[in-house]
Protein backbone atom coordinates (compact mmCIF):
# COMPACT_ATOMS: atom_id res chain seq x y z
CA MET A 1 -0.08 -0.17 -0.09
CA ASN A 2 2.76 2.28 0.62
CA THR A 3 4.31 1.57 -2.31
CA ARG A 4 1.26 2.37 -4.32
CA ARG A 5 0.81 5.83 -2.65
CA SER A 6 4.36 6.76 -3.15
CA ARG A 7 3.96 5.84 -6.95
CA LYS A 8 0.76 8.07 -6.95
CA GLN A 9 2.44 10.82 -4.87
CA LEU A 10 5.45 10.84 -7.70
CA VAL A 11 2.77 11.00 -10.53
CA TYR A 12 1.02 14.11 -8.90
CA VAL A 13 4.62 15.79 -8.52
CA ALA A 14 5.51 14.89 -11.96
CA SER A 15 2.07 16.23 -13.55
CA GLY A 16 2.36 19.38 -11.39
CA ALA A 17 5.80 20.20 -12.18
CA GLY A 18 5.07 19.63 -16.10
CA CYS A 19 2.01 22.19 -15.75
CA LEU A 20 4.39 24.61 -14.07
CA PHE A 21 6.64 24.22 -17.03
CA ALA A 22 4.31 24.73 -19.49
CA ILE A 23 2.63 27.89 -17.97
CA ALA A 24 6.41 29.34 -17.86
CA PHE A 25 6.87 28.55 -21.37
CA LEU A 26 3.67 29.76 -22.31
CA LEU A 27 4.60 33.24 -20.37
CA PHE A 28 8.04 33.24 -21.95
CA TRP A 29 6.66 33.13 -25.51
CA SER A 30 3.94 35.81 -25.24
CA ARG A 31 6.66 38.11 -23.59
CA ASN A 32 9.13 37.63 -26.55
CA ASN A 33 5.96 37.59 -29.27
CA ASP A 34 4.76 40.95 -27.80
CA HIS A 35 8.00 42.45 -28.01
CA GLU A 36 8.65 41.05 -31.70
CA VAL A 37 5.44 43.29 -32.92
CA ARG A 38 6.56 46.61 -30.87
CA PRO A 39 6.89 49.19 -33.15
CA LEU A 40 10.26 50.48 -34.25
CA PRO A 41 11.67 54.27 -34.60
CA MET A 42 10.38 56.10 -37.76
CA HIS A 43 13.22 56.82 -40.48
CA GLU A 44 13.20 60.45 -41.56
CA GLY A 45 13.88 60.98 -45.13
CA LYS A 46 14.59 64.16 -47.20
CA PRO A 47 13.64 64.98 -50.91
CA LEU A 48 16.28 64.84 -53.58
CA PRO A 49 16.99 67.81 -55.63
CA ASN A 50 14.58 68.87 -58.32
CA THR A 51 11.82 67.79 -56.26
CA GLN A 52 10.23 71.15 -54.93
CA SER A 53 6.72 72.16 -56.52
CA ILE A 54 5.99 74.07 -59.40
CA LEU A 55 2.86 75.88 -60.59
CA ALA A 56 1.08 74.66 -63.78
CA PRO A 57 -0.12 77.90 -65.18
CA GLU A 58 -2.42 76.12 -67.62
CA THR A 59 -4.56 75.00 -65.05
CA VAL A 60 -5.23 78.55 -63.77
CA ASN A 61 -9.17 79.20 -62.91
CA THR A 62 -9.58 82.61 -61.72
CA ASN A 63 -13.02 81.93 -60.27
CA ALA A 64 -11.82 79.39 -57.83
CA PRO A 65 -11.04 80.08 -54.27
CA PHE A 66 -9.12 77.21 -53.67
CA GLY A 67 -6.04 75.52 -55.03
CA THR A 68 -5.23 71.98 -55.79
CA ILE A 69 -2.10 69.81 -55.62
CA GLU A 70 -1.51 67.15 -57.95
CA GLY A 71 1.73 64.80 -57.46
CA GLN A 72 3.91 61.85 -58.36
CA ILE A 73 5.47 59.51 -56.14
CA LEU A 74 9.10 58.80 -56.79
CA PHE A 75 11.51 56.41 -55.12
CA GLN A 76 15.02 57.39 -55.42
CA GLY A 77 14.34 59.71 -58.19
CA GLU A 78 12.69 57.30 -60.37
CA GLN A 79 8.80 56.22 -60.87
CA ARG A 80 8.16 52.70 -60.07
CA LYS A 81 4.71 50.61 -60.14
CA TRP A 82 5.59 49.11 -56.53
CA PRO A 83 7.19 50.34 -53.53
CA PRO A 84 10.62 48.93 -52.63
CA ASN A 85 8.90 47.17 -49.38
CA GLY A 86 6.63 45.07 -51.80
CA ARG A 87 3.51 46.61 -50.65
CA GLN A 88 0.79 48.04 -53.05
CA MET A 89 1.31 51.91 -54.44
CA SER A 90 -2.22 52.50 -52.45
CA ASP A 91 -0.16 52.08 -49.26
CA VAL A 92 1.55 55.19 -49.65
CA VAL A 93 -0.21 57.94 -47.72
CA VAL A 94 -0.02 61.57 -48.83
CA TYR A 95 -1.33 64.40 -46.22
CA LEU A 96 -0.74 68.13 -45.43
CA LYS A 97 0.60 68.65 -42.12
CA GLY A 98 -0.56 70.60 -39.12
CA ASN A 99 -4.25 71.32 -38.02
CA LEU A 100 -5.76 73.55 -40.58
CA ARG A 101 -9.06 74.33 -38.78
CA GLY A 102 -8.35 78.05 -38.44
CA ARG A 103 -7.56 78.10 -42.31
CA THR A 104 -10.91 76.64 -43.48
CA ASP A 105 -13.06 79.00 -41.41
CA HIS A 106 -14.20 80.92 -44.25
CA PHE A 107 -15.97 77.55 -45.77
CA LYS A 108 -19.45 77.60 -45.96
CA ALA A 109 -21.49 76.41 -43.01
CA THR A 110 -22.89 73.54 -45.43
CA GLU A 111 -19.52 72.74 -46.77
CA ARG A 112 -17.68 73.01 -43.40
CA SER A 113 -20.11 70.52 -41.80
CA SER A 114 -19.94 68.04 -44.58
CA SER A 115 -16.08 68.40 -45.42
CA ASP A 116 -14.66 68.74 -42.01
CA LYS A 117 -16.58 65.76 -40.08
CA PRO A 118 -14.39 62.81 -39.74
CA VAL A 119 -15.61 60.07 -41.88
CA PRO A 120 -15.64 56.68 -39.93
CA ALA A 121 -12.79 54.04 -41.04
CA VAL A 122 -12.96 50.27 -40.90
CA LEU A 123 -9.94 47.85 -40.25
CA ASP A 124 -11.18 44.27 -40.99
CA GLN A 125 -9.69 40.78 -40.64
CA PHE A 126 -10.34 38.54 -43.50
CA ASP A 127 -7.97 35.50 -44.84
CA MET A 128 -5.68 35.98 -41.89
CA THR A 129 -5.00 39.26 -43.14
CA PHE A 130 -5.68 42.92 -41.83
CA VAL A 131 -7.73 44.75 -44.62
CA PRO A 132 -6.41 47.18 -45.86
CA HIS A 133 -2.92 47.31 -44.77
CA VAL A 134 -2.92 51.07 -44.45
CA VAL A 135 -6.22 52.62 -43.27
CA MET A 136 -6.52 56.31 -43.12
CA MET A 137 -8.72 58.45 -40.91
CA GLN A 138 -9.12 61.87 -39.58
CA GLN A 139 -8.33 62.63 -35.90
CA GLY A 140 -11.13 62.71 -33.74
CA GLY A 141 -12.91 60.00 -35.59
CA MET A 142 -13.86 56.63 -35.00
CA ILE A 143 -12.67 53.39 -36.71
CA GLU A 144 -14.49 49.99 -36.53
CA LEU A 145 -12.27 47.00 -35.81
CA ARG A 146 -14.06 43.77 -37.49
CA ASN A 147 -13.42 40.02 -37.49
CA SER A 148 -14.73 38.55 -40.88
CA ASP A 149 -12.52 35.39 -40.37
CA SER A 150 -13.92 32.04 -38.76
CA THR A 151 -11.22 32.21 -35.98
CA LEU A 152 -10.36 34.17 -32.62
CA HIS A 153 -7.98 37.37 -33.72
CA ASN A 154 -6.95 40.37 -31.54
CA VAL A 155 -6.21 43.79 -32.48
CA ASN A 156 -3.36 45.20 -30.74
CA GLY A 157 -2.76 48.97 -31.35
CA PHE A 158 0.56 50.24 -30.01
CA ALA A 159 -0.44 53.92 -30.00
CA THR A 160 1.97 56.45 -28.38
CA MET A 161 -0.18 59.88 -28.74
CA ASN A 162 -3.64 58.01 -28.28
CA GLN A 163 -4.36 55.58 -25.72
CA PRO A 164 -3.14 52.24 -26.57
CA PHE A 165 -5.88 49.23 -27.26
CA ASN A 166 -5.83 45.73 -27.40
CA VAL A 167 -8.96 43.95 -28.03
CA ALA A 168 -9.82 40.29 -28.60
CA LEU A 169 -12.52 39.65 -31.60
CA SER A 170 -14.56 36.37 -32.15
CA PRO A 171 -15.47 35.35 -35.40
CA GLY A 172 -18.07 37.95 -36.78
CA ALA A 173 -17.55 40.60 -33.62
CA SER A 174 -16.48 44.16 -34.21
CA THR A 175 -15.70 47.00 -32.05
CA ASP A 176 -15.40 50.92 -32.28
CA VAL A 177 -12.37 52.90 -31.17
CA VAL A 178 -12.14 56.71 -31.16
CA LEU A 179 -8.72 58.30 -31.92
CA GLU A 180 -8.22 61.80 -30.92
CA ARG A 181 -4.66 62.77 -32.02
CA PRO A 182 -2.86 62.48 -35.12
CA GLU A 183 -0.20 59.60 -35.40
CA PHE A 184 0.86 56.34 -37.27
CA ILE A 185 -0.34 53.40 -35.26
CA ARG A 186 1.47 50.28 -35.75
CA VAL A 187 -1.28 47.23 -35.42
CA ALA A 188 -0.39 43.42 -34.96
CA CYS A 189 -2.40 40.27 -33.93
CA ASN A 190 -0.88 38.47 -31.10
CA PHE A 191 -2.59 35.28 -32.05
CA HIS A 192 -1.27 35.50 -35.54
CA PRO A 193 2.31 37.23 -35.58
CA LYS A 194 2.53 37.46 -39.42
CA MET A 195 -0.52 39.70 -39.56
CA SER A 196 0.28 43.69 -39.20
CA ALA A 197 -1.26 46.96 -40.47
CA TRP A 198 -1.11 50.66 -40.05
CA ILE A 199 -3.69 53.05 -38.83
CA ALA A 200 -2.79 56.70 -40.31
CA VAL A 201 -4.66 59.20 -37.97
CA MET A 202 -4.39 62.39 -40.06
CA PRO A 203 -4.24 65.98 -38.64
CA ASN A 204 -6.91 67.49 -41.20
CA ARG A 205 -9.09 66.27 -44.04
CA PHE A 206 -6.39 66.85 -46.76
CA PHE A 207 -5.12 63.21 -46.98
CA THR A 208 -5.12 60.76 -49.51
CA ARG A 209 -3.37 57.81 -51.22
CA ALA A 210 -1.35 57.40 -54.37
CA ASN A 211 -3.02 55.20 -57.37
CA ASP A 212 -1.47 52.33 -59.24
CA GLN A 213 0.87 54.87 -61.13
CA GLY A 214 1.84 56.59 -57.92
CA GLN A 215 -0.14 59.62 -58.66
CA PHE A 216 -2.39 61.47 -56.25
CA THR A 217 -4.50 64.62 -55.94
CA LEU A 218 -5.68 67.00 -53.29
CA ARG A 219 -8.34 69.31 -53.84
CA GLY A 220 -9.93 72.32 -52.31
CA ILE A 221 -7.14 73.37 -50.57
CA PRO A 222 -7.12 77.12 -48.86
CA PRO A 223 -4.48 79.53 -50.24
CA GLY A 224 -1.09 79.38 -48.01
CA LYS A 225 1.83 77.88 -47.23
CA TYR A 226 1.76 74.32 -46.07
CA LYS A 227 4.32 70.96 -45.40
CA LEU A 228 3.11 68.37 -47.99
CA ALA A 229 4.28 64.92 -46.56
CA GLY A 230 4.72 61.46 -47.67
CA TRP A 231 4.63 58.32 -45.66
CA HIS A 232 5.37 54.45 -46.58
CA GLU A 233 6.40 51.20 -44.91
CA ASN A 234 10.15 50.44 -45.34
CA VAL A 235 11.54 47.21 -46.20
CA TYR A 236 14.65 47.11 -44.25
CA PRO A 237 14.60 47.50 -41.31
CA PRO A 238 11.27 45.81 -41.17
CA HIS A 239 8.04 47.80 -40.37
CA VAL A 240 10.19 51.08 -40.10
CA PRO A 241 8.42 53.51 -42.05
CA ARG A 242 10.25 56.12 -44.12
CA ARG A 243 8.76 59.77 -44.13
CA VAL A 244 9.55 62.61 -46.50
CA SER A 245 8.20 66.43 -46.55
CA MET A 246 8.48 69.23 -48.71
CA ASP A 247 7.29 72.99 -48.94
CA VAL A 248 4.21 73.96 -51.15
CA ASN A 249 2.48 77.12 -51.79
CA ILE A 250 -1.10 76.85 -52.56
CA GLN A 251 -2.77 79.72 -54.77
CA PRO A 252 -6.46 80.38 -55.47
CA GLY A 253 -7.53 78.78 -58.66
CA ARG A 254 -3.99 76.96 -59.44
CA THR A 255 -2.91 73.60 -59.20
CA THR A 256 0.70 72.86 -57.80
CA VAL A 257 2.43 70.17 -59.54
CA VAL A 258 4.79 68.25 -57.36
CA LYS A 259 7.17 65.08 -57.38
CA LEU A 260 7.56 63.73 -54.00
CA ASN A 261 10.49 61.75 -53.71
CA PHE A 262 11.33 59.03 -51.09
CA PRO A 263 15.30 58.62 -50.44
C-alpha cells in the first residue's frame, strides 16, 4: 500500500511540475512575441533635388477660391510601379501637416459641416490578413475594428499619442475605437504574428493615397503655405516607415504640381 501511495505521489508531483513548466513556457513565449511586434523608430527622409513644387499656369481658374495639388511619387528619383517594400502603391500615404482648422473658417457652413466631419474608418480581418494594410482616418474620428474570419483574432494597437488598445474579437465580432490625436499606429494580432497593419490618424481632412501609377491629388485647399508629407512602410529594417516632406505654396485657382521623392 505504501508503495502504491508513493507512486501516486510521484505521478502527482511530475504532473504538477509539467504544468508549471508549460505555464512558464507560455509566459516566456507571450513576452517574446509581444516584444517582436512593438513598433520601431521612424526613418526620416529628405526629398532629393528637383522635387520642389512648380505652378502649372495652364490649370489656372480665376473663379476658384481654393487650390489643388497634383503629384507623382518617386523612389530615389525613379517612377516605379511598386514601392521598394513590395506593398501596393495605395499603401503610400500623402497628406498636409498641421491642424488647418483656422484656415478653413471661411468655408460655407454647409461645406464645413460635410467636409470637415471625420468619416468613420474600417479595419477588417479577413483570410488571416488585415484589410486594408494601411487605413486612413481623421483625428477625432472613429474606426471600426472587425473580424470577418472564422477564427479568434485580436487587434493590438501600439499607440503613443492616443490610448493604446488591445481587443479580442471572436468570429463576426466588431468594436469601435475613437482616436483623438494624429499619429501612425502599428497594429498586430498576437495570435497570428504574421498579421500586421497601420492606422494613419491624420491631422486634417487633406489626405489621400497614391494610385497604381503613384499619382495623387488633393483638392479644395485654402491658399497658403503648407508642408506636404509622404509616408510608406520601409522594407529594411522591417516595419520602419519612411517619411518625406516638402514646402508647397497654394494659390487660389491654381494647381501645384509636385514630385514627392522618397530617398
